[in-house]
Amino acid sequence: MFHDEALSKGDVEVFSLIVQPKTKSCHGWVCGEPEEFIIILELPPVTDVPSEVKLGTAYQIKKARAK
């Protein structure tokens, strides 16, 4: 949500990681046009889905401003 408006609608998938020593899971989703896959490791301070989506959104904004 940003200014009470949903930035994205869709599913966030949870993936269990077997050989990653720092975390046991990550979350991923698709957004934008053209579609872009966002994958965020669950590492502090990112500890839940809302904080992961915020990080992914911040990345997209930073990427768009760099163009």
N, C-alpha and C. Protein backbone atom coordinates (compact mmCIF):
# COMPACT_ATOMS: atom_id res chain seq x y z
N MET A 1 0.84 -1.18 0.00
CA MET A 1 0.00 0.00 0.00
C MET A 1 0.89 1.25 0.00
N PHE A 2 0.50 2.24 -0.76
CA PHE A 2 1.19 3.53 -0.80
C PHE A 2 0.12 4.59 -0.95
N HIS A 3 0.04 5.49 0.01
CA HIS A 3 -1.02 6.51 0.03
C HIS A 3 -2.39 5.85 -0.09
N ASP A 4 -2.59 4.79 0.67
CA ASP A 4 -3.85 4.03 0.72
C ASP A 4 -4.25 3.39 -0.60
N GLU A 5 -3.29 3.19 -1.47
CA GLU A 5 -3.56 2.55 -2.76
C GLU A 5 -2.64 1.35 -2.92
N ALA A 6 -3.19 0.23 -3.38
CA ALA A 6 -2.38 -0.97 -3.59
C ALA A 6 -1.45 -0.75 -4.78
N LEU A 7 -0.16 -0.98 -4.56
CA LEU A 7 0.81 -0.86 -5.64
C LEU A 7 0.80 -2.09 -6.52
N SER A 8 0.45 -3.19 -5.94
CA SER A 8 0.48 -4.44 -6.67
C SER A 8 -0.58 -5.37 -6.11
N LYS A 9 -1.14 -6.17 -6.98
CA LYS A 9 -2.09 -7.19 -6.55
C LYS A 9 -1.59 -8.51 -7.09
N GLY A 10 -1.60 -9.51 -6.26
CA GLY A 10 -1.16 -10.81 -6.71
C GLY A 10 -0.65 -11.64 -5.57
N ASP A 11 -0.11 -12.77 -5.92
CA ASP A 11 0.38 -13.71 -4.93
C ASP A 11 1.86 -13.52 -4.66
N VAL A 12 2.24 -13.75 -3.43
CA VAL A 12 3.65 -13.81 -3.04
C VAL A 12 3.91 -15.27 -2.72
N GLU A 13 4.85 -15.87 -3.45
CA GLU A 13 5.17 -17.28 -3.26
C GLU A 13 6.29 -17.41 -2.23
N VAL A 14 6.22 -18.45 -1.42
CA VAL A 14 7.24 -18.74 -0.41
C VAL A 14 8.04 -19.95 -0.88
N PHE A 15 9.36 -19.81 -0.85
CA PHE A 15 10.25 -20.89 -1.27
C PHE A 15 11.13 -21.29 -0.10
N SER A 16 11.20 -22.58 0.18
CA SER A 16 12.12 -23.09 1.19
C SER A 16 13.48 -23.29 0.54
N LEU A 17 14.51 -22.87 1.24
CA LEU A 17 15.87 -23.00 0.72
C LEU A 17 16.62 -24.07 1.50
N ILE A 18 17.28 -24.95 0.80
CA ILE A 18 17.96 -26.07 1.44
C ILE A 18 19.45 -25.78 1.66
N VAL A 19 20.10 -25.19 0.69
CA VAL A 19 21.56 -25.02 0.77
C VAL A 19 21.99 -23.57 1.00
N GLN A 20 21.12 -22.73 1.51
CA GLN A 20 21.47 -21.34 1.82
C GLN A 20 21.76 -21.27 3.32
N PRO A 21 23.01 -21.03 3.71
CA PRO A 21 23.35 -21.06 5.13
C PRO A 21 22.81 -19.91 5.96
N LYS A 22 22.45 -18.79 5.34
CA LYS A 22 22.02 -17.61 6.10
C LYS A 22 20.53 -17.53 6.33
N THR A 23 19.73 -18.22 5.53
CA THR A 23 18.27 -18.17 5.68
C THR A 23 17.66 -19.47 5.20
N LYS A 24 16.45 -19.71 5.61
CA LYS A 24 15.77 -20.93 5.21
C LYS A 24 14.65 -20.70 4.21
N SER A 25 14.37 -19.40 3.90
CA SER A 25 13.29 -19.14 2.95
C SER A 25 13.49 -17.83 2.20
N CYS A 26 12.77 -17.72 1.11
CA CYS A 26 12.71 -16.48 0.35
C CYS A 26 11.30 -16.35 -0.19
N HIS A 27 10.98 -15.16 -0.64
CA HIS A 27 9.66 -14.90 -1.19
C HIS A 27 9.83 -14.29 -2.57
N GLY A 28 8.92 -14.59 -3.46
CA GLY A 28 9.02 -14.06 -4.81
C GLY A 28 7.66 -13.73 -5.39
N TRP A 29 7.67 -12.79 -6.32
CA TRP A 29 6.43 -12.39 -6.99
C TRP A 29 6.79 -11.77 -8.33
N VAL A 30 5.79 -11.60 -9.16
CA VAL A 30 5.94 -11.00 -10.48
C VAL A 30 5.21 -9.66 -10.46
N CYS A 31 5.82 -8.65 -11.09
CA CYS A 31 5.15 -7.36 -11.17
C CYS A 31 5.63 -6.60 -12.40
N GLY A 32 4.89 -5.55 -12.72
CA GLY A 32 5.30 -4.63 -13.78
C GLY A 32 5.00 -5.10 -15.18
N GLU A 33 5.24 -4.19 -16.10
CA GLU A 33 5.12 -4.44 -17.53
C GLU A 33 6.38 -3.90 -18.20
N PRO A 34 7.22 -4.68 -18.80
CA PRO A 34 7.12 -6.13 -18.89
C PRO A 34 7.31 -6.77 -17.51
N GLU A 35 6.85 -7.99 -17.39
CA GLU A 35 6.91 -8.68 -16.10
C GLU A 35 8.35 -8.80 -15.61
N GLU A 36 8.51 -8.55 -14.34
CA GLU A 36 9.82 -8.68 -13.70
C GLU A 36 9.63 -9.57 -12.47
N PHE A 37 10.55 -10.49 -12.29
CA PHE A 37 10.50 -11.39 -11.14
C PHE A 37 11.31 -10.77 -10.01
N ILE A 38 10.70 -10.64 -8.84
CA ILE A 38 11.36 -10.11 -7.66
C ILE A 38 11.50 -11.25 -6.67
N ILE A 39 12.71 -11.47 -6.19
CA ILE A 39 12.97 -12.50 -5.19
C ILE A 39 13.76 -11.87 -4.06
N ILE A 40 13.26 -12.01 -2.85
CA ILE A 40 13.88 -11.40 -1.67
C ILE A 40 14.17 -12.50 -0.65
N LEU A 41 15.42 -12.58 -0.20
CA LEU A 41 15.76 -13.52 0.87
C LEU A 41 15.22 -13.00 2.19
N GLU A 42 14.78 -13.89 3.03
CA GLU A 42 14.29 -13.51 4.36
C GLU A 42 15.48 -13.39 5.30
N LEU A 43 16.07 -12.20 5.30
CA LEU A 43 17.22 -11.88 6.15
C LEU A 43 16.92 -10.58 6.90
N PRO A 44 17.29 -10.47 8.17
CA PRO A 44 17.02 -9.23 8.91
C PRO A 44 17.61 -8.02 8.20
N PRO A 45 16.93 -6.91 8.15
CA PRO A 45 15.69 -6.58 8.86
C PRO A 45 14.44 -7.06 8.15
N VAL A 46 14.59 -7.76 7.03
CA VAL A 46 13.44 -8.29 6.30
C VAL A 46 13.05 -9.61 6.94
N THR A 47 11.91 -9.62 7.65
CA THR A 47 11.53 -10.81 8.40
C THR A 47 10.11 -11.29 8.13
N ASP A 48 9.39 -10.57 7.25
CA ASP A 48 8.02 -10.99 6.94
C ASP A 48 7.65 -10.49 5.55
N VAL A 49 6.52 -10.95 5.05
CA VAL A 49 6.10 -10.60 3.69
C VAL A 49 5.94 -9.09 3.49
N PRO A 50 5.27 -8.35 4.40
CA PRO A 50 5.15 -6.91 4.16
C PRO A 50 6.50 -6.19 4.03
N SER A 51 7.47 -6.56 4.87
CA SER A 51 8.77 -5.89 4.76
C SER A 51 9.49 -6.30 3.48
N GLU A 52 9.28 -7.50 3.01
CA GLU A 52 9.88 -7.93 1.75
C GLU A 52 9.27 -7.20 0.57
N VAL A 53 7.97 -7.02 0.58
CA VAL A 53 7.31 -6.29 -0.51
C VAL A 53 7.77 -4.83 -0.50
N LYS A 54 7.93 -4.24 0.67
CA LYS A 54 8.44 -2.86 0.74
C LYS A 54 9.83 -2.77 0.14
N LEU A 55 10.70 -3.72 0.45
CA LEU A 55 12.05 -3.73 -0.10
C LEU A 55 12.02 -3.89 -1.62
N GLY A 56 11.19 -4.81 -2.10
CA GLY A 56 11.07 -5.01 -3.55
C GLY A 56 10.54 -3.78 -4.26
N THR A 57 9.58 -3.10 -3.66
CA THR A 57 9.02 -1.88 -4.24
C THR A 57 10.06 -0.77 -4.25
N ALA A 58 10.83 -0.64 -3.17
CA ALA A 58 11.89 0.36 -3.12
C ALA A 58 12.92 0.10 -4.22
N TYR A 59 13.25 -1.16 -4.46
CA TYR A 59 14.18 -1.51 -5.53
C TYR A 59 13.64 -1.07 -6.88
N GLN A 60 12.35 -1.34 -7.13
CA GLN A 60 11.75 -0.97 -8.41
C GLN A 60 11.75 0.55 -8.60
N ILE A 61 11.45 1.30 -7.57
CA ILE A 61 11.45 2.77 -7.66
C ILE A 61 12.85 3.26 -7.94
N LYS A 62 13.84 2.74 -7.24
CA LYS A 62 15.23 3.15 -7.45
C LYS A 62 15.67 2.82 -8.88
N LYS A 63 15.30 1.64 -9.37
CA LYS A 63 15.66 1.23 -10.73
C LYS A 63 15.02 2.16 -11.76
N ALA A 64 13.75 2.53 -11.55
CA ALA A 64 13.04 3.39 -12.49
C ALA A 64 13.65 4.80 -12.51
N ARG A 65 14.09 5.29 -11.36
CA ARG A 65 14.70 6.63 -11.29
C ARG A 65 16.07 6.66 -11.96
N ALA A 66 16.76 5.52 -12.01
CA ALA A 66 18.09 5.46 -12.60
C ALA A 66 18.06 5.51 -14.13
N LYS A 67 16.89 5.29 -14.71
CA LYS A 67 16.77 5.28 -16.19
C LYS A 67 16.83 6.67 -16.75
